[in-house]
C-alpha atoms as a PDB file:
ATOM      1  CA  MET A   1     -12.049 256.463 264.384  1.00  0.00           C
ATOM      2  CA  ASN A   2     -11.001 259.053 261.850  1.00  0.00           C
ATOM      3  CA  GLU A   3     -12.422 262.565 261.799  1.00  0.00           C
ATOM      4  CA  SER A   4     -14.501 262.193 258.609  1.00  0.00           C
ATOM      5  CA  VAL A   5     -16.293 259.120 260.017  1.00  0.00           C
ATOM      6  CA  LEU A   6     -17.052 260.997 263.243  1.00  0.00           C
ATOM      7  CA  MET A   7     -18.419 263.962 261.275  1.00  0.00           C
ATOM      8  CA  MET A   8     -20.628 261.659 259.223  1.00  0.00           C
ATOM      9  CA  MET A   9     -21.901 259.933 262.384  1.00  0.00           C
ATOM     10  CA  ASN A  10     -22.687 263.315 263.973  1.00  0.00           C
ATOM     11  CA  LYS A  11     -24.665 264.404 260.901  1.00  0.00           C
ATOM     12  CA  LEU A  12     -26.527 261.122 260.838  1.00  0.00           C
ATOM     13  CA  TYR A  13     -27.324 261.410 264.558  1.00  0.00           C
ATOM     14  CA  ARG A  14     -28.779 264.894 264.081  1.00  0.00           C
ATOM     15  CA  TRP A  15     -31.144 263.516 261.393  1.00  0.00           C
ATOM     16  CA  ARG A  16     -32.755 260.876 263.623  1.00  0.00           C
ATOM     17  CA  VAL A  17     -35.753 262.983 264.734  1.00  0.00           C
ATOM     18  CA  ARG A  18     -36.442 264.402 261.256  1.00  0.00           C
ATOM     19  CA  ALA A  19     -36.132 260.916 259.789  1.00  0.00           C
ATOM     20  CA  SER A  20     -38.689 259.587 262.274  1.00  0.00           C
ATOM     21  CA  PHE A  21     -41.232 262.185 261.099  1.00  0.00           C
ATOM     22  CA  ILE A  22     -40.544 261.279 257.478  1.00  0.00           C
ATOM     23  CA  GLY A  23     -40.959 257.596 258.423  1.00  0.00           C
ATOM     24  CA  LEU A  24     -44.314 258.270 260.104  1.00  0.00           C
ATOM     25  CA  ILE A  25     -45.579 260.168 257.070  1.00  0.00           C
ATOM     26  CA  LEU A  26     -44.473 257.296 254.820  1.00  0.00           C
ATOM     27  CA  ALA A  27     -46.163 254.842 257.199  1.00  0.00           C
ATOM     28  CA  ILE A  28     -49.455 256.688 256.834  1.00  0.00           C
ATOM     29  CA  ILE A  29     -49.106 256.908 253.047  1.00  0.00           C
ATOM     30  CA  LEU A  30     -48.109 253.244 252.593  1.00  0.00           C
ATOM     31  CA  ALA A  31     -50.487 251.836 255.222  1.00  0.00           C
ATOM     32  CA  LYS A  32     -53.209 249.348 254.393  1.00  0.00           C
ATOM     33  CA  PRO A  33     -54.754 249.194 257.858  1.00  0.00           C
ATOM     34  CA  SER A  34     -57.365 246.683 258.898  1.00  0.00           C
ATOM     35  CA  LEU A  35     -59.421 246.668 262.056  1.00  0.00           C
ATOM     36  CA  ARG A  36     -57.186 243.914 263.410  1.00  0.00           C
ATOM     37  CA  SER A  37     -53.894 245.644 262.520  1.00  0.00           C
ATOM     38  CA  ILE A  38     -55.058 248.885 264.133  1.00  0.00           C
ATOM     39  CA  SER A  39     -56.268 247.083 267.273  1.00  0.00           C
ATOM     40  CA  VAL A  40     -53.052 245.088 267.717  1.00  0.00           C
ATOM     41  CA  GLY A  41     -50.895 248.091 266.808  1.00  0.00           C
ATOM     42  CA  LEU A  42     -52.720 250.344 269.251  1.00  0.00           C
ATOM     43  CA  ALA A  43     -52.303 247.821 272.086  1.00  0.00           C
ATOM     44  CA  ILE A  44     -48.564 247.633 271.381  1.00  0.00           C
ATOM     45  CA  PHE A  45     -48.392 251.439 271.143  1.00  0.00           C
ATOM     46  CA  LEU A  46     -50.029 251.861 274.565  1.00  0.00           C
ATOM     47  CA  TRP A  47     -47.456 249.495 276.038  1.00  0.00           C
ATOM     48  CA  GLY A  48     -44.603 251.548 274.507  1.00  0.00           C
ATOM     49  CA  LEU A  49     -46.188 254.855 275.500  1.00  0.00           C
ATOM     50  CA  GLY A  50     -46.658 253.591 279.059  1.00  0.00           C
ATOM     51  CA  LEU A  51     -42.988 252.603 279.232  1.00  0.00           C
ATOM     52  CA  ARG A  52     -41.970 256.063 277.942  1.00  0.00           C
ATOM     53  CA  ALA A  53     -44.184 257.751 280.540  1.00  0.00           C
ATOM     54  CA  TRP A  54     -42.801 255.559 283.341  1.00  0.00           C
ATOM     55  CA  ALA A  55     -39.224 256.360 282.298  1.00  0.00           C
ATOM     56  CA  CYS A  56     -39.902 260.094 281.987  1.00  0.00           C
ATOM     57  CA  GLY A  57     -41.355 260.151 285.488  1.00  0.00           C
ATOM     58  CA  HIS A  58     -37.986 258.940 286.791  1.00  0.00           C
ATOM     59  CA  ILE A  59     -35.272 260.468 284.629  1.00  0.00           C
ATOM     60  CA  ARG A  60     -33.385 263.424 286.047  1.00  0.00           C
ATOM     61  CA  LYS A  61     -31.452 264.351 282.925  1.00  0.00           C
ATOM     62  CA  GLU A  62     -27.779 265.044 283.569  1.00  0.00           C
ATOM     63  CA  LYS A  63     -28.390 265.671 287.301  1.00  0.00           C
ATOM     64  CA  GLU A  64     -27.922 262.121 288.503  1.00  0.00           C
ATOM     65  CA  LEU A  65     -27.699 258.645 287.040  1.00  0.00           C
ATOM     66  CA  THR A  66     -31.288 257.416 286.913  1.00  0.00           C
ATOM     67  CA  VAL A  67     -31.547 253.876 288.265  1.00  0.00           C
ATOM     68  CA  SER A  68     -35.163 253.776 289.462  1.00  0.00           C
ATOM     69  CA  GLY A  69     -38.363 252.778 287.681  1.00  0.00           C
ATOM     70  CA  PRO A  70     -37.674 251.061 284.350  1.00  0.00           C
ATOM     71  CA  TYR A  71     -33.994 252.057 284.612  1.00  0.00           C
ATOM     72  CA  GLN A  72     -33.654 249.178 287.081  1.00  0.00           C
ATOM     73  CA  TYR A  73     -34.229 246.738 284.216  1.00  0.00           C
ATOM     74  CA  THR A  74     -32.673 248.408 281.161  1.00  0.00           C
ATOM     75  CA  ARG A  75     -30.255 251.298 280.796  1.00  0.00           C
ATOM     76  CA  ASN A  76     -32.287 252.685 277.905  1.00  0.00           C
ATOM     77  CA  PRO A  77     -36.021 252.332 278.563  1.00  0.00           C
ATOM     78  CA  LEU A  78     -36.854 255.354 276.382  1.00  0.00           C
ATOM     79  CA  TYR A  79     -35.123 253.782 273.394  1.00  0.00           C
ATOM     80  CA  LEU A  80     -36.772 250.444 274.153  1.00  0.00           C
ATOM     81  CA  ALA A  81     -40.141 252.226 274.307  1.00  0.00           C
ATOM     82  CA  ASN A  82     -39.416 253.891 270.950  1.00  0.00           C
ATOM     83  CA  PHE A  83     -38.656 250.453 269.510  1.00  0.00           C
ATOM     84  CA  ILE A  84     -41.995 249.136 270.824  1.00  0.00           C
ATOM     85  CA  ILE A  85     -43.798 252.172 269.393  1.00  0.00           C
ATOM     86  CA  GLY A  86     -42.061 251.609 266.044  1.00  0.00           C
ATOM     87  CA  VAL A  87     -43.258 247.989 266.052  1.00  0.00           C
ATOM     88  CA  SER A  88     -46.781 249.280 266.768  1.00  0.00           C
ATOM     89  CA  VAL A  89     -46.620 251.602 263.757  1.00  0.00           C
ATOM     90  CA  ALA A  90     -45.412 248.783 261.513  1.00  0.00           C
ATOM     91  CA  MET A  91     -48.128 246.471 262.860  1.00  0.00           C
ATOM     92  CA  ALA A  92     -50.914 249.023 262.445  1.00  0.00           C
ATOM     93  CA  SER A  93     -49.842 249.917 258.919  1.00  0.00           C
ATOM     94  CA  ASN A  94     -50.239 246.312 257.796  1.00  0.00           C
ATOM     95  CA  SER A  95     -47.453 246.932 255.260  1.00  0.00           C
ATOM     96  CA  TRP A  96     -44.178 245.125 254.719  1.00  0.00           C
ATOM     97  CA  TRP A  97     -42.809 248.370 253.262  1.00  0.00           C
ATOM     98  CA  VAL A  98     -43.442 250.179 256.541  1.00  0.00           C
ATOM     99  CA  ALA A  99     -41.924 247.303 258.520  1.00  0.00           C
ATOM    100  CA  GLY A 100     -38.844 247.532 256.298  1.00  0.00           C
ATOM    101  CA  ILE A 101     -38.594 251.304 256.694  1.00  0.00           C
ATOM    102  CA  PHE A 102     -38.825 250.914 260.473  1.00  0.00           C
ATOM    103  CA  ALA A 103     -36.143 248.203 260.495  1.00  0.00           C
ATOM    104  CA  VAL A 104     -33.764 250.326 258.409  1.00  0.00           C
ATOM    105  CA  TYR A 105     -34.451 253.392 260.549  1.00  0.00           C
ATOM    106  CA  PHE A 106     -33.901 251.519 263.793  1.00  0.00           C
ATOM    107  CA  LEU A 107     -30.734 249.747 262.625  1.00  0.00           C
ATOM    108  CA  LEU A 108     -29.330 252.996 261.222  1.00  0.00           C
ATOM    109  CA  PHE A 109     -29.987 255.368 264.114  1.00  0.00           C
ATOM    110  CA  TYR A 110     -30.285 253.400 267.351  1.00  0.00           C
ATOM    111  CA  PRO A 111     -26.844 251.782 267.581  1.00  0.00           C
ATOM    112  CA  LEU A 112     -25.422 255.292 267.244  1.00  0.00           C
ATOM    113  CA  ALA A 113     -27.875 256.729 269.802  1.00  0.00           C
ATOM    114  CA  LEU A 114     -27.096 253.944 272.291  1.00  0.00           C
ATOM    115  CA  LYS A 115     -23.365 254.511 271.848  1.00  0.00           C
ATOM    116  CA  ARG A 116     -23.699 258.272 272.385  1.00  0.00           C
ATOM    117  CA  GLU A 117     -25.879 257.801 275.450  1.00  0.00           C
ATOM    118  CA  LYS A 118     -23.374 255.393 276.971  1.00  0.00           C
ATOM    119  CA  GLU A 119     -20.484 257.803 276.326  1.00  0.00           C
ATOM    120  CA  LYS A 120     -22.462 260.665 277.864  1.00  0.00           C
ATOM    121  CA  MET A 121     -23.262 258.669 281.012  1.00  0.00           C
ATOM    122  CA  ILE A 122     -19.628 257.581 281.376  1.00  0.00           C
ATOM    123  CA  ALA A 123     -18.547 261.230 281.110  1.00  0.00           C
ATOM    124  CA  LEU A 124     -21.155 262.471 283.610  1.00  0.00           C
ATOM    125  CA  PHE A 125     -21.158 259.623 286.148  1.00  0.00           C
ATOM    126  CA  PRO A 126     -18.000 257.536 285.541  1.00  0.00           C
ATOM    127  CA  GLU A 127     -17.827 255.394 288.689  1.00  0.00           C
ATOM    128  CA  GLU A 128     -21.548 255.024 289.262  1.00  0.00           C
ATOM    129  CA  TYR A 129     -22.231 254.176 285.595  1.00  0.00           C
ATOM    130  CA  GLU A 130     -19.472 251.548 285.589  1.00  0.00           C
ATOM    131  CA  LYS A 131     -21.225 249.679 288.443  1.00  0.00           C
ATOM    132  CA  TYR A 132     -24.643 250.198 286.879  1.00  0.00           C
ATOM    133  CA  LYS A 133     -23.681 248.895 283.423  1.00  0.00           C
ATOM    134  CA  LYS A 134     -22.325 245.687 284.964  1.00  0.00           C
ATOM    135  CA  LYS A 135     -25.747 244.935 286.487  1.00  0.00           C
ATOM    136  CA  VAL A 136     -28.261 246.338 283.980  1.00  0.00           C
ATOM    137  CA  PRO A 137     -28.413 245.445 280.264  1.00  0.00           C
ATOM    138  CA  LEU A 138     -28.012 248.113 277.587  1.00  0.00           C
ATOM    139  CA  PHE A 139     -31.317 247.617 275.759  1.00  0.00           C
ATOM    140  CA  PHE A 140     -33.379 244.468 276.252  1.00  0.00           C
ATOM    141  CA  PRO A 141     -34.482 244.304 279.900  1.00  0.00           C
ATOM    142  CA  SER A 142     -33.450 241.912 282.586  1.00  0.00           C
ATOM    143  CA  PHE A 143     -36.033 241.096 285.181  1.00  0.00           C
ATOM    144  CA  LYS A 144     -33.502 241.151 288.009  1.00  0.00           C
ATOM    145  CA  HIS A 145     -33.825 244.637 289.287  1.00  0.00           C
ATOM    146  CA  TYR A 146     -31.011 246.929 290.264  1.00  0.00           C
ATOM    147  CA  LEU A 147     -31.187 249.168 293.297  1.00  0.00           C
ATOM    148  CA  GLY A 148     -28.683 251.972 293.061  1.00  0.00           C
ATOM    149  CA  LEU A 149     -28.016 254.877 295.366  1.00  0.00           C
ATOM    150  CA  HIS A 150     -30.810 257.026 293.948  1.00  0.00           C
ATOM    151  CA  SER A 151     -34.064 255.124 294.112  1.00  0.00           C
ATOM    152  CA  HIS A 152     -36.975 257.463 293.439  1.00  0.00           C
ATOM    153  CA  ARG A 153     -40.711 257.095 293.022  1.00  0.00           C
ATOM    154  CA  PHE A 154     -42.502 258.088 289.819  1.00  0.00           C
ATOM    155  CA  SER A 155     -42.949 261.868 289.645  1.00  0.00           C
ATOM    156  CA  PHE A 156     -45.732 263.315 287.514  1.00  0.00           C
ATOM    157  CA  GLN A 157     -43.925 266.676 287.713  1.00  0.00           C
ATOM    158  CA  LEU A 158     -40.825 265.085 286.135  1.00  0.00           C
ATOM    159  CA  TYR A 159     -43.064 263.571 283.458  1.00  0.00           C
ATOM    160  CA  LEU A 160     -44.329 267.096 282.665  1.00  0.00           C
ATOM    161  CA  ASN A 161     -40.874 268.694 282.934  1.00  0.00           C
ATOM    162  CA  ASN A 162     -39.531 266.114 280.479  1.00  0.00           C
ATOM    163  CA  ARG A 163     -42.366 267.109 278.101  1.00  0.00           C
ATOM    164  CA  GLU A 164     -43.446 263.516 277.610  1.00  0.00           C
ATOM    165  CA  TYR A 165     -46.947 264.651 276.705  1.00  0.00           C
ATOM    166  CA  ARG A 166     -45.511 265.396 273.233  1.00  0.00           C
ATOM    167  CA  ALA A 167     -45.237 261.640 272.577  1.00  0.00           C
ATOM    168  CA  LEU A 168     -48.875 261.267 273.578  1.00  0.00           C
ATOM    169  CA  LEU A 169     -49.960 264.090 271.237  1.00  0.00           C
ATOM    170  CA  GLY A 170     -47.871 262.730 268.370  1.00  0.00           C
ATOM    171  CA  GLY A 171     -49.349 259.290 268.952  1.00  0.00           C
ATOM    172  CA  LEU A 172     -52.891 260.647 268.938  1.00  0.00           C
ATOM    173  CA  ILE A 173     -52.263 262.345 265.585  1.00  0.00           C
ATOM    174  CA  PHE A 174     -50.784 259.163 264.081  1.00  0.00           C
ATOM    175  CA  TRP A 175     -53.590 256.920 265.355  1.00  0.00           C
ATOM    176  CA  LEU A 176     -56.258 259.349 264.181  1.00  0.00           C
ATOM    177  CA  ALA A 177     -54.648 259.336 260.715  1.00  0.00           C
ATOM    178  CA  MET A 178     -54.567 255.511 260.683  1.00  0.00           C
ATOM    179  CA  ILE A 179     -58.208 255.250 261.749  1.00  0.00           C
ATOM    180  CA  LEU A 180     -59.277 257.818 259.143  1.00  0.00           C
ATOM    181  CA  LYS A 181     -57.317 255.954 256.475  1.00  0.00           C
ATOM    182  CA  PHE A 182     -59.008 252.696 257.488  1.00  0.00           C
ATOM    183  CA  VAL A 183     -62.476 254.302 257.406  1.00  0.00           C
ATOM    184  CA  PHE A 184     -61.967 255.989 254.034  1.00  0.00           C
ATOM    185  CA  MET A 185     -60.222 252.992 252.439  1.00  0.00           C
ATOM    186  CA  LYS A 186     -63.352 250.873 252.850  1.00  0.00           C
END
């Protein structure tokens, strides 16, 4: 890959978090929520948030290759959880525009994020990651579970250290905004 393409990809990667906030604001603005869309969206959101929490209670960032918890089934449970949460936002908004924005966002940023994560793991844990990637799918889970060398139990302290509560707070703000929009749209 030439240097200008790599620079562009790096810039794009750095915009992923800011773009997600812009997308959430647009979702709230463009939303036409109904009681049903909020209920279904919230159920999907809780599923995604639960997956994020489970993953964050296992991940030991850059210290060891995490292969316990949801990492037994997918190499990227946090990204999968973000996808599920994005679907919940699109569902709750009850807007094809929001669904389209989510699809564009996901297709633009996540292939790059998955590629970077894979490269990082190969650099940090070359031999162990090579074995792991042969057994565990990149994104969509397999229900055959992988038991690697480091099999840990969920740790609430890791969950806190990984600051996962921020996803919960962000979700509460979004869902409050959607409920208020539903109430005041009536």
